[in-house]
Amino acid sequence: GGSLRLSCAASGRTFSSNAMAWFRQAPGK
């Protein structure tokens, strides 16, 4: 029921013209 906010900071190049995404992996999956 709680909340979290994840961040993804990019460095080394800009991704302002690129799609980005979040994926996840649970144990054994």
mmCIF file of all heavy atoms, coordinates in Angstrom:
data_MODEL
# 
_entry.id   MODEL 
# 
loop_
_atom_site.group_PDB 
_atom_site.id 
_atom_site.type_symbol 
_atom_site.label_atom_id 
_atom_site.label_alt_id 
_atom_site.label_comp_id 
_atom_site.label_asym_id 
_atom_site.label_entity_id 
_atom_site.label_seq_id 
_atom_site.pdbx_PDB_ins_code 
_atom_site.Cartn_x 
_atom_site.Cartn_y 
_atom_site.Cartn_z 
_atom_site.occupancy 
_atom_site.B_iso_or_equiv 
_atom_site.pdbx_formal_charge 
_atom_site.auth_seq_id 
_atom_site.auth_comp_id 
_atom_site.auth_asym_id 
_atom_site.auth_atom_id 
_atom_site.pdbx_PDB_model_num 
ATOM 1   N N   . GLY A 1 1  ? 0.794  -1.221  0.000   1.00 0.00 ? 1  GLY A N   1 
ATOM 2   C CA  . GLY A 1 1  ? 0.000  0.000   0.000   1.00 0.00 ? 1  GLY A CA  1 
ATOM 3   C C   . GLY A 1 1  ? 0.826  1.271   0.000   1.00 0.00 ? 1  GLY A C   1 
ATOM 4   O O   . GLY A 1 1  ? 0.281  2.360   -0.200  1.00 0.00 ? 1  GLY A O   1 
ATOM 5   N N   . GLY A 1 2  ? 2.111  1.133   0.229   1.00 0.00 ? 2  GLY A N   1 
ATOM 6   C CA  . GLY A 1 2  ? 2.992  2.288   0.273   1.00 0.00 ? 2  GLY A CA  1 
ATOM 7   C C   . GLY A 1 2  ? 3.455  2.735   -1.097  1.00 0.00 ? 2  GLY A C   1 
ATOM 8   O O   . GLY A 1 2  ? 3.019  2.208   -2.126  1.00 0.00 ? 2  GLY A O   1 
ATOM 9   N N   . SER A 1 3  ? 4.363  3.717   -1.093  1.00 0.00 ? 3  SER A N   1 
ATOM 10  C CA  . SER A 1 3  ? 4.841  4.318   -2.339  1.00 0.00 ? 3  SER A CA  1 
ATOM 11  C C   . SER A 1 3  ? 6.363  4.419   -2.337  1.00 0.00 ? 3  SER A C   1 
ATOM 12  O O   . SER A 1 3  ? 6.991  4.529   -1.284  1.00 0.00 ? 3  SER A O   1 
ATOM 13  C CB  . SER A 1 3  ? 4.255  5.728   -2.509  1.00 0.00 ? 3  SER A CB  1 
ATOM 14  O OG  . SER A 1 3  ? 2.848  5.692   -2.596  1.00 0.00 ? 3  SER A OG  1 
ATOM 15  N N   . LEU A 1 4  ? 6.908  4.392   -3.526  1.00 0.00 ? 4  LEU A N   1 
ATOM 16  C CA  . LEU A 1 4  ? 8.323  4.661   -3.756  1.00 0.00 ? 4  LEU A CA  1 
ATOM 17  C C   . LEU A 1 4  ? 8.447  5.423   -5.064  1.00 0.00 ? 4  LEU A C   1 
ATOM 18  O O   . LEU A 1 4  ? 7.616  5.259   -5.969  1.00 0.00 ? 4  LEU A O   1 
ATOM 19  C CB  . LEU A 1 4  ? 9.143  3.380   -3.847  1.00 0.00 ? 4  LEU A CB  1 
ATOM 20  C CG  . LEU A 1 4  ? 9.464  2.617   -2.555  1.00 0.00 ? 4  LEU A CG  1 
ATOM 21  C CD1 . LEU A 1 4  ? 10.145 1.299   -2.888  1.00 0.00 ? 4  LEU A CD1 1 
ATOM 22  C CD2 . LEU A 1 4  ? 10.339 3.439   -1.635  1.00 0.00 ? 4  LEU A CD2 1 
ATOM 23  N N   . ARG A 1 5  ? 9.521  6.214   -5.181  1.00 0.00 ? 5  ARG A N   1 
ATOM 24  C CA  . ARG A 1 5  ? 9.817  6.904   -6.436  1.00 0.00 ? 5  ARG A CA  1 
ATOM 25  C C   . ARG A 1 5  ? 11.226 6.522   -6.870  1.00 0.00 ? 5  ARG A C   1 
ATOM 26  O O   . ARG A 1 5  ? 12.197 6.835   -6.175  1.00 0.00 ? 5  ARG A O   1 
ATOM 27  C CB  . ARG A 1 5  ? 9.713  8.417   -6.265  1.00 0.00 ? 5  ARG A CB  1 
ATOM 28  C CG  . ARG A 1 5  ? 9.827  9.182   -7.579  1.00 0.00 ? 5  ARG A CG  1 
ATOM 29  C CD  . ARG A 1 5  ? 10.032 10.650  -7.342  1.00 0.00 ? 5  ARG A CD  1 
ATOM 30  N NE  . ARG A 1 5  ? 9.816  11.444  -8.532  1.00 0.00 ? 5  ARG A NE  1 
ATOM 31  C CZ  . ARG A 1 5  ? 10.387 12.626  -8.741  1.00 0.00 ? 5  ARG A CZ  1 
ATOM 32  N NH1 . ARG A 1 5  ? 11.202 13.135  -7.833  1.00 0.00 ? 5  ARG A NH1 1 
ATOM 33  N NH2 . ARG A 1 5  ? 10.132 13.304  -9.862  1.00 0.00 ? 5  ARG A NH2 1 
ATOM 34  N N   . LEU A 1 6  ? 11.310 5.871   -7.998  1.00 0.00 ? 6  LEU A N   1 
ATOM 35  C CA  . LEU A 1 6  ? 12.604 5.501   -8.558  1.00 0.00 ? 6  LEU A CA  1 
ATOM 36  C C   . LEU A 1 6  ? 13.087 6.585   -9.509  1.00 0.00 ? 6  LEU A C   1 
ATOM 37  O O   . LEU A 1 6  ? 12.281 7.218   -10.198 1.00 0.00 ? 6  LEU A O   1 
ATOM 38  C CB  . LEU A 1 6  ? 12.510 4.175   -9.307  1.00 0.00 ? 6  LEU A CB  1 
ATOM 39  C CG  . LEU A 1 6  ? 11.966 2.973   -8.539  1.00 0.00 ? 6  LEU A CG  1 
ATOM 40  C CD1 . LEU A 1 6  ? 12.047 1.727   -9.422  1.00 0.00 ? 6  LEU A CD1 1 
ATOM 41  C CD2 . LEU A 1 6  ? 12.690 2.766   -7.240  1.00 0.00 ? 6  LEU A CD2 1 
ATOM 42  N N   . SER A 1 7  ? 14.397 6.769   -9.550  1.00 0.00 ? 7  SER A N   1 
ATOM 43  C CA  . SER A 1 7  ? 15.020 7.691   -10.491 1.00 0.00 ? 7  SER A CA  1 
ATOM 44  C C   . SER A 1 7  ? 16.054 6.936   -11.318 1.00 0.00 ? 7  SER A C   1 
ATOM 45  O O   . SER A 1 7  ? 16.662 5.974   -10.842 1.00 0.00 ? 7  SER A O   1 
ATOM 46  C CB  . SER A 1 7  ? 15.718 8.841   -9.757  1.00 0.00 ? 7  SER A CB  1 
ATOM 47  O OG  . SER A 1 7  ? 14.795 9.603   -9.012  1.00 0.00 ? 7  SER A OG  1 
ATOM 48  N N   . CYS A 1 8  ? 16.249 7.389   -12.538 1.00 0.00 ? 8  CYS A N   1 
ATOM 49  C CA  . CYS A 1 8  ? 17.265 6.839   -13.423 1.00 0.00 ? 8  CYS A CA  1 
ATOM 50  C C   . CYS A 1 8  ? 18.026 8.020   -14.023 1.00 0.00 ? 8  CYS A C   1 
ATOM 51  O O   . CYS A 1 8  ? 17.494 8.732   -14.871 1.00 0.00 ? 8  CYS A O   1 
ATOM 52  C CB  . CYS A 1 8  ? 16.626 5.999   -14.509 1.00 0.00 ? 8  CYS A CB  1 
ATOM 53  S SG  . CYS A 1 8  ? 17.780 5.454   -15.799 1.00 0.00 ? 8  CYS A SG  1 
ATOM 54  N N   . ALA A 1 9  ? 19.239 8.223   -13.549 1.00 0.00 ? 9  ALA A N   1 
ATOM 55  C CA  . ALA A 1 9  ? 20.051 9.349   -14.009 1.00 0.00 ? 9  ALA A CA  1 
ATOM 56  C C   . ALA A 1 9  ? 21.035 8.870   -15.064 1.00 0.00 ? 9  ALA A C   1 
ATOM 57  O O   . ALA A 1 9  ? 21.791 7.918   -14.836 1.00 0.00 ? 9  ALA A O   1 
ATOM 58  C CB  . ALA A 1 9  ? 20.790 9.968   -12.835 1.00 0.00 ? 9  ALA A CB  1 
ATOM 59  N N   . ALA A 1 10 ? 21.026 9.543   -16.201 1.00 0.00 ? 10 ALA A N   1 
ATOM 60  C CA  . ALA A 1 10 ? 21.915 9.181   -17.304 1.00 0.00 ? 10 ALA A CA  1 
ATOM 61  C C   . ALA A 1 10 ? 23.109 10.133  -17.340 1.00 0.00 ? 10 ALA A C   1 
ATOM 62  O O   . ALA A 1 10 ? 22.984 11.324  -17.043 1.00 0.00 ? 10 ALA A O   1 
ATOM 63  C CB  . ALA A 1 10 ? 21.172 9.234   -18.622 1.00 0.00 ? 10 ALA A CB  1 
ATOM 64  N N   . SER A 1 11 ? 24.241 9.584   -17.703 1.00 0.00 ? 11 SER A N   1 
ATOM 65  C CA  . SER A 1 11 ? 25.439 10.396  -17.879 1.00 0.00 ? 11 SER A CA  1 
ATOM 66  C C   . SER A 1 11 ? 26.237 9.861   -19.055 1.00 0.00 ? 11 SER A C   1 
ATOM 67  O O   . SER A 1 11 ? 26.041 8.724   -19.484 1.00 0.00 ? 11 SER A O   1 
ATOM 68  C CB  . SER A 1 11 ? 26.292 10.387  -16.606 1.00 0.00 ? 11 SER A CB  1 
ATOM 69  O OG  . SER A 1 11 ? 26.726 9.077   -16.304 1.00 0.00 ? 11 SER A OG  1 
ATOM 70  N N   . GLY A 1 12 ? 27.112 10.665  -19.596 1.00 0.00 ? 12 GLY A N   1 
ATOM 71  C CA  . GLY A 1 12 ? 27.941 10.248  -20.716 1.00 0.00 ? 12 GLY A CA  1 
ATOM 72  C C   . GLY A 1 12 ? 27.367 10.616  -22.076 1.00 0.00 ? 12 GLY A C   1 
ATOM 73  O O   . GLY A 1 12 ? 28.095 10.677  -23.061 1.00 0.00 ? 12 GLY A O   1 
ATOM 74  N N   . ARG A 1 13 ? 26.080 10.797  -22.150 1.00 0.00 ? 13 ARG A N   1 
ATOM 75  C CA  . ARG A 1 13 ? 25.393 11.278  -23.349 1.00 0.00 ? 13 ARG A CA  1 
ATOM 76  C C   . ARG A 1 13 ? 23.994 11.678  -22.948 1.00 0.00 ? 13 ARG A C   1 
ATOM 77  O O   . ARG A 1 13 ? 23.484 11.251  -21.913 1.00 0.00 ? 13 ARG A O   1 
ATOM 78  C CB  . ARG A 1 13 ? 25.361 10.244  -24.474 1.00 0.00 ? 13 ARG A CB  1 
ATOM 79  C CG  . ARG A 1 13 ? 24.610 8.973   -24.140 1.00 0.00 ? 13 ARG A CG  1 
ATOM 80  C CD  . ARG A 1 13 ? 24.170 8.216   -25.379 1.00 0.00 ? 13 ARG A CD  1 
ATOM 81  N NE  . ARG A 1 13 ? 23.013 8.829   -26.024 1.00 0.00 ? 13 ARG A NE  1 
ATOM 82  C CZ  . ARG A 1 13 ? 22.473 8.430   -27.158 1.00 0.00 ? 13 ARG A CZ  1 
ATOM 83  N NH1 . ARG A 1 13 ? 23.043 7.424   -27.819 1.00 0.00 ? 13 ARG A NH1 1 
ATOM 84  N NH2 . ARG A 1 13 ? 21.408 9.009   -27.670 1.00 0.00 ? 13 ARG A NH2 1 
ATOM 85  N N   . THR A 1 14 ? 23.356 12.468  -23.800 1.00 0.00 ? 14 THR A N   1 
ATOM 86  C CA  . THR A 1 14 ? 21.984 12.850  -23.540 1.00 0.00 ? 14 THR A CA  1 
ATOM 87  C C   . THR A 1 14 ? 21.030 11.864  -24.207 1.00 0.00 ? 14 THR A C   1 
ATOM 88  O O   . THR A 1 14 ? 21.306 11.348  -25.288 1.00 0.00 ? 14 THR A O   1 
ATOM 89  C CB  . THR A 1 14 ? 21.705 14.278  -24.040 1.00 0.00 ? 14 THR A CB  1 
ATOM 90  O OG1 . THR A 1 14 ? 20.327 14.582  -23.796 1.00 0.00 ? 14 THR A OG1 1 
ATOM 91  C CG2 . THR A 1 14 ? 21.977 14.386  -25.532 1.00 0.00 ? 14 THR A CG2 1 
ATOM 92  N N   . PHE A 1 15 ? 19.906 11.616  -23.528 1.00 0.00 ? 15 PHE A N   1 
ATOM 93  C CA  . PHE A 1 15 ? 18.884 10.741  -24.081 1.00 0.00 ? 15 PHE A CA  1 
ATOM 94  C C   . PHE A 1 15 ? 17.590 11.510  -24.349 1.00 0.00 ? 15 PHE A C   1 
ATOM 95  O O   . PHE A 1 15 ? 16.509 10.921  -24.397 1.00 0.00 ? 15 PHE A O   1 
ATOM 96  C CB  . PHE A 1 15 ? 18.616 9.577   -23.118 1.00 0.00 ? 15 PHE A CB  1 
ATOM 97  C CG  . PHE A 1 15 ? 19.730 8.579   -23.074 1.00 0.00 ? 15 PHE A CG  1 
ATOM 98  C CD1 . PHE A 1 15 ? 20.637 8.556   -22.027 1.00 0.00 ? 15 PHE A CD1 1 
ATOM 99  C CD2 . PHE A 1 15 ? 19.902 7.661   -24.097 1.00 0.00 ? 15 PHE A CD2 1 
ATOM 100 C CE1 . PHE A 1 15 ? 21.673 7.643   -21.982 1.00 0.00 ? 15 PHE A CE1 1 
ATOM 101 C CE2 . PHE A 1 15 ? 20.925 6.741   -24.078 1.00 0.00 ? 15 PHE A CE2 1 
ATOM 102 C CZ  . PHE A 1 15 ? 21.824 6.738   -23.016 1.00 0.00 ? 15 PHE A CZ  1 
ATOM 103 N N   . SER A 1 16 ? 17.699 12.813  -24.542 1.00 0.00 ? 16 SER A N   1 
ATOM 104 C CA  . SER A 1 16 ? 16.507 13.640  -24.715 1.00 0.00 ? 16 SER A CA  1 
ATOM 105 C C   . SER A 1 16 ? 15.758 13.329  -26.004 1.00 0.00 ? 16 SER A C   1 
ATOM 106 O O   . SER A 1 16 ? 14.602 13.713  -26.145 1.00 0.00 ? 16 SER A O   1 
ATOM 107 C CB  . SER A 1 16 ? 16.877 15.122  -24.665 1.00 0.00 ? 16 SER A CB  1 
ATOM 108 O OG  . SER A 1 16 ? 17.821 15.416  -25.677 1.00 0.00 ? 16 SER A OG  1 
ATOM 109 N N   . SER A 1 17 ? 16.366 12.646  -26.959 1.00 0.00 ? 17 SER A N   1 
ATOM 110 C CA  . SER A 1 17 ? 15.689 12.270  -28.196 1.00 0.00 ? 17 SER A CA  1 
ATOM 111 C C   . SER A 1 17 ? 15.368 10.778  -28.251 1.00 0.00 ? 17 SER A C   1 
ATOM 112 O O   . SER A 1 17 ? 14.996 10.250  -29.303 1.00 0.00 ? 17 SER A O   1 
ATOM 113 C CB  . SER A 1 17 ? 16.558 12.642  -29.401 1.00 0.00 ? 17 SER A CB  1 
ATOM 114 O OG  . SER A 1 17 ? 17.803 11.966  -29.343 1.00 0.00 ? 17 SER A OG  1 
ATOM 115 N N   . ASN A 1 18 ? 15.471 10.111  -27.116 1.00 0.00 ? 18 ASN A N   1 
ATOM 116 C CA  . ASN A 1 18 ? 15.348 8.653   -27.089 1.00 0.00 ? 18 ASN A CA  1 
ATOM 117 C C   . ASN A 1 18 ? 14.280 8.176   -26.109 1.00 0.00 ? 18 ASN A C   1 
ATOM 118 O O   . ASN A 1 18 ? 14.115 8.755   -25.027 1.00 0.00 ? 18 ASN A O   1 
ATOM 119 C CB  . ASN A 1 18 ? 16.679 8.025   -26.685 1.00 0.00 ? 18 ASN A CB  1 
ATOM 120 C CG  . ASN A 1 18 ? 17.817 8.458   -27.585 1.00 0.00 ? 18 ASN A CG  1 
ATOM 121 O OD1 . ASN A 1 18 ? 18.512 9.430   -27.285 1.00 0.00 ? 18 ASN A OD1 1 
ATOM 122 N ND2 . ASN A 1 18 ? 17.988 7.767   -28.686 1.00 0.00 ? 18 ASN A ND2 1 
ATOM 123 N N   . ALA A 1 19 ? 13.599 7.091   -26.487 1.00 0.00 ? 19 ALA A N   1 
ATOM 124 C CA  . ALA A 1 19 ? 12.682 6.451   -25.562 1.00 0.00 ? 19 ALA A CA  1 
ATOM 125 C C   . ALA A 1 19 ? 13.462 5.770   -24.444 1.00 0.00 ? 19 ALA A C   1 
ATOM 126 O O   . ALA A 1 19 ? 14.593 5.326   -24.636 1.00 0.00 ? 19 ALA A O   1 
ATOM 127 C CB  . ALA A 1 19 ? 11.820 5.432   -26.295 1.00 0.00 ? 19 ALA A CB  1 
ATOM 128 N N   . MET A 1 20 ? 12.818 5.701   -23.298 1.00 0.00 ? 20 MET A N   1 
ATOM 129 C CA  . MET A 1 20 ? 13.405 5.008   -22.152 1.00 0.00 ? 20 MET A CA  1 
ATOM 130 C C   . MET A 1 20 ? 12.333 4.147   -21.506 1.00 0.00 ? 20 MET A C   1 
ATOM 131 O O   . MET A 1 20 ? 11.141 4.312   -21.780 1.00 0.00 ? 20 MET A O   1 
ATOM 132 C CB  . MET A 1 20 ? 13.973 6.019   -21.148 1.00 0.00 ? 20 MET A CB  1 
ATOM 133 C CG  . MET A 1 20 ? 15.077 6.878   -21.733 1.00 0.00 ? 20 MET A CG  1 
ATOM 134 S SD  . MET A 1 20 ? 15.824 7.993   -20.538 1.00 0.00 ? 20 MET A SD  1 
ATOM 135 C CE  . MET A 1 20 ? 16.798 6.846   -19.561 1.00 0.00 ? 20 MET A CE  1 
ATOM 136 N N   . ALA A 1 21 ? 12.755 3.247   -20.649 1.00 0.00 ? 21 ALA A N   1 
ATOM 137 C CA  . ALA A 1 21 ? 11.793 2.301   -20.085 1.00 0.00 ? 21 ALA A CA  1 
ATOM 138 C C   . ALA A 1 21 ? 12.268 1.782   -18.736 1.00 0.00 ? 21 ALA A C   1 
ATOM 139 O O   . ALA A 1 21 ? 13.441 1.898   -18.383 1.00 0.00 ? 21 ALA A O   1 
ATOM 140 C CB  . ALA A 1 21 ? 11.585 1.132   -21.041 1.00 0.00 ? 21 ALA A CB  1 
ATOM 141 N N   . TRP A 1 22 ? 11.318 1.217   -18.022 1.00 0.00 ? 22 TRP A N   1 
ATOM 142 C CA  . TRP A 1 22 ? 11.596 0.483   -16.793 1.00 0.00 ? 22 TRP A CA  1 
ATOM 143 C C   . TRP A 1 22 ? 11.208 -0.981  -17.010 1.00 0.00 ? 22 TRP A C   1 
ATOM 144 O O   . TRP A 1 22 ? 10.150 -1.280  -17.571 1.00 0.00 ? 22 TRP A O   1 
ATOM 145 C CB  . TRP A 1 22 ? 10.793 1.046   -15.618 1.00 0.00 ? 22 TRP A CB  1 
ATOM 146 C CG  . TRP A 1 22 ? 11.243 2.388   -15.158 1.00 0.00 ? 22 TRP A CG  1 
ATOM 147 C CD1 . TRP A 1 22 ? 10.728 3.599   -15.522 1.00 0.00 ? 22 TRP A CD1 1 
ATOM 148 C CD2 . TRP A 1 22 ? 12.306 2.664   -14.247 1.00 0.00 ? 22 TRP A CD2 1 
ATOM 149 N NE1 . TRP A 1 22 ? 11.401 4.611   -14.896 1.00 0.00 ? 22 TRP A NE1 1 
ATOM 150 C CE2 . TRP A 1 22 ? 12.373 4.069   -14.089 1.00 0.00 ? 22 TRP A CE2 1 
ATOM 151 C CE3 . TRP A 1 22 ? 13.201 1.870   -13.526 1.00 0.00 ? 22 TRP A CE3 1 
ATOM 152 C CZ2 . TRP A 1 22 ? 13.303 4.687   -13.257 1.00 0.00 ? 22 TRP A CZ2 1 
ATOM 153 C CZ3 . TRP A 1 22 ? 14.125 2.487   -12.704 1.00 0.00 ? 22 TRP A CZ3 1 
ATOM 154 C CH2 . TRP A 1 22 ? 14.175 3.875   -12.577 1.00 0.00 ? 22 TRP A CH2 1 
ATOM 155 N N   . PHE A 1 23 ? 12.065 -1.868  -16.532 1.00 0.00 ? 23 PHE A N   1 
ATOM 156 C CA  . PHE A 1 23 ? 11.801 -3.289  -16.502 1.00 0.00 ? 23 PHE A CA  1 
ATOM 157 C C   . PHE A 1 23 ? 12.035 -3.770  -15.073 1.00 0.00 ? 23 PHE A C   1 
ATOM 158 O O   . PHE A 1 23 ? 12.636 -3.062  -14.262 1.00 0.00 ? 23 PHE A O   1 
ATOM 159 C CB  . PHE A 1 23 ? 12.738 -4.040  -17.462 1.00 0.00 ? 23 PHE A CB  1 
ATOM 160 C CG  . PHE A 1 23 ? 12.458 -3.777  -18.916 1.00 0.00 ? 23 PHE A CG  1 
ATOM 161 C CD1 . PHE A 1 23 ? 12.926 -2.630  -19.548 1.00 0.00 ? 23 PHE A CD1 1 
ATOM 162 C CD2 . PHE A 1 23 ? 11.719 -4.676  -19.660 1.00 0.00 ? 23 PHE A CD2 1 
ATOM 163 C CE1 . PHE A 1 23 ? 12.661 -2.375  -20.883 1.00 0.00 ? 23 PHE A CE1 1 
ATOM 164 C CE2 . PHE A 1 23 ? 11.438 -4.433  -21.007 1.00 0.00 ? 23 PHE A CE2 1 
ATOM 165 C CZ  . PHE A 1 23 ? 11.917 -3.294  -21.606 1.00 0.00 ? 23 PHE A CZ  1 
ATOM 166 N N   . ARG A 1 24 ? 11.578 -4.970  -14.782 1.00 0.00 ? 24 ARG A N   1 
ATOM 167 C CA  . ARG A 1 24 ? 11.838 -5.533  -13.463 1.00 0.00 ? 24 ARG A CA  1 
ATOM 168 C C   . ARG A 1 24 ? 12.041 -7.033  -13.564 1.00 0.00 ? 24 ARG A C   1 
ATOM 169 O O   . ARG A 1 24 ? 11.572 -7.674  -14.510 1.00 0.00 ? 24 ARG A O   1 
ATOM 170 C CB  . ARG A 1 24 ? 10.695 -5.219  -12.488 1.00 0.00 ? 24 ARG A CB  1 
ATOM 171 C CG  . ARG A 1 24 ? 9.361  -5.886  -12.814 1.00 0.00 ? 24 ARG A CG  1 
ATOM 172 C CD  . ARG A 1 24 ? 8.284  -5.366  -11.873 1.00 0.00 ? 24 ARG A CD  1 
ATOM 173 N NE  . ARG A 1 24 ? 7.001  -6.029  -12.119 1.00 0.00 ? 24 ARG A NE  1 
ATOM 174 C CZ  . ARG A 1 24 ? 5.861  -5.678  -11.510 1.00 0.00 ? 24 ARG A CZ  1 
ATOM 175 N NH1 . ARG A 1 24 ? 5.846  -4.688  -10.632 1.00 0.00 ? 24 ARG A NH1 1 
ATOM 176 N NH2 . ARG A 1 24 ? 4.736  -6.337  -11.776 1.00 0.00 ? 24 ARG A NH2 1 
ATOM 177 N N   . GLN A 1 25 ? 12.751 -7.568  -12.585 1.00 0.00 ? 25 GLN A N   1 
ATOM 178 C CA  . GLN A 1 25 ? 12.993 -9.006  -12.542 1.00 0.00 ? 25 GLN A CA  1 
ATOM 179 C C   . GLN A 1 25 ? 12.876 -9.483  -11.109 1.00 0.00 ? 25 GLN A C   1 
ATOM 180 O O   . GLN A 1 25 ? 13.648 -9.054  -10.242 1.00 0.00 ? 25 GLN A O   1 
ATOM 181 C CB  . GLN A 1 25 ? 14.367 -9.340  -13.114 1.00 0.00 ? 25 GLN A CB  1 
ATOM 182 C CG  . GLN A 1 25 ? 14.608 -10.828 -13.253 1.00 0.00 ? 25 GLN A CG  1 
ATOM 183 C CD  . GLN A 1 25 ? 15.820 -11.150 -14.094 1.00 0.00 ? 25 GLN A CD  1 
ATOM 184 O OE1 . GLN A 1 25 ? 16.692 -10.310 -14.319 1.00 0.00 ? 25 GLN A OE1 1 
ATOM 185 N NE2 . GLN A 1 25 ? 15.885 -12.372 -14.603 1.00 0.00 ? 25 GLN A NE2 1 
ATOM 186 N N   . ALA A 1 26 ? 11.917 -10.362 -10.892 1.00 0.00 ? 26 ALA A N   1 
ATOM 187 C CA  . ALA A 1 26 ? 11.727 -10.979 -9.583  1.00 0.00 ? 26 ALA A CA  1 
ATOM 188 C C   . ALA A 1 26 ? 12.549 -12.263 -9.503  1.00 0.00 ? 26 ALA A C   1 
ATOM 189 O O   . ALA A 1 26 ? 12.889 -12.846 -10.542 1.00 0.00 ? 26 ALA A O   1 
ATOM 190 C CB  . ALA A 1 26 ? 10.253 -11.273 -9.359  1.00 0.00 ? 26 ALA A CB  1 
ATOM 191 N N   . PRO A 1 27 ? 12.872 -12.721 -8.309  1.00 0.00 ? 27 PRO A N   1 
ATOM 192 C CA  . PRO A 1 27 ? 13.660 -13.948 -8.161  1.00 0.00 ? 27 PRO A CA  1 
ATOM 193 C C   . PRO A 1 27 ? 12.999 -15.121 -8.869  1.00 0.00 ? 27 PRO A C   1 
ATOM 194 O O   . PRO A 1 27 ? 11.802 -15.372 -8.702  1.00 0.00 ? 27 PRO A O   1 
ATOM 195 C CB  . PRO A 1 27 ? 13.693 -14.153 -6.643  1.00 0.00 ? 27 PRO A CB  1 
ATOM 196 C CG  . PRO A 1 27 ? 13.512 -12.802 -6.069  1.00 0.00 ? 27 PRO A CG  1 
ATOM 197 C CD  . PRO A 1 27 ? 12.589 -12.084 -7.006  1.00 0.00 ? 27 PRO A CD  1 
ATOM 198 N N   . GLY A 1 28 ? 13.777 -15.822 -9.679  1.00 0.00 ? 28 GLY A N   1 
ATOM 199 C CA  . GLY A 1 28 ? 13.275 -16.997 -10.368 1.00 0.00 ? 28 GLY A CA  1 
ATOM 200 C C   . GLY A 1 28 ? 12.400 -16.705 -11.574 1.00 0.00 ? 28 GLY A C   1 
ATOM 201 O O   . GLY A 1 28 ? 11.844 -17.626 -12.171 1.00 0.00 ? 28 GLY A O   1 
ATOM 202 N N   . LYS A 1 29 ? 12.272 -15.437 -11.920 1.00 0.00 ? 29 LYS A N   1 
ATOM 203 C CA  . LYS A 1 29 ? 11.416 -15.060 -13.051 1.00 0.00 ? 29 LYS A CA  1 
ATOM 204 C C   . LYS A 1 29 ? 12.214 -14.318 -14.110 1.00 0.00 ? 29 LYS A C   1 
ATOM 205 O O   . LYS A 1 29 ? 13.299 -13.804 -13.844 1.00 0.00 ? 29 LYS A O   1 
ATOM 206 C CB  . LYS A 1 29 ? 10.244 -14.205 -12.579 1.00 0.00 ? 29 LYS A CB  1 
ATOM 207 C CG  . LYS A 1 29 ? 9.292  -14.923 -11.652 1.00 0.00 ? 29 LYS A CG  1 
ATOM 208 C CD  . LYS A 1 29 ? 8.062  -14.080 -11.371 1.00 0.00 ? 29 LYS A CD  1 
ATOM 209 C CE  . LYS A 1 29 ? 7.062  -14.817 -10.508 1.00 0.00 ? 29 LYS A CE  1 
ATOM 210 N NZ  . LYS A 1 29 ? 5.839  -13.998 -10.249 1.00 0.00 ? 29 LYS A NZ  1 
# 
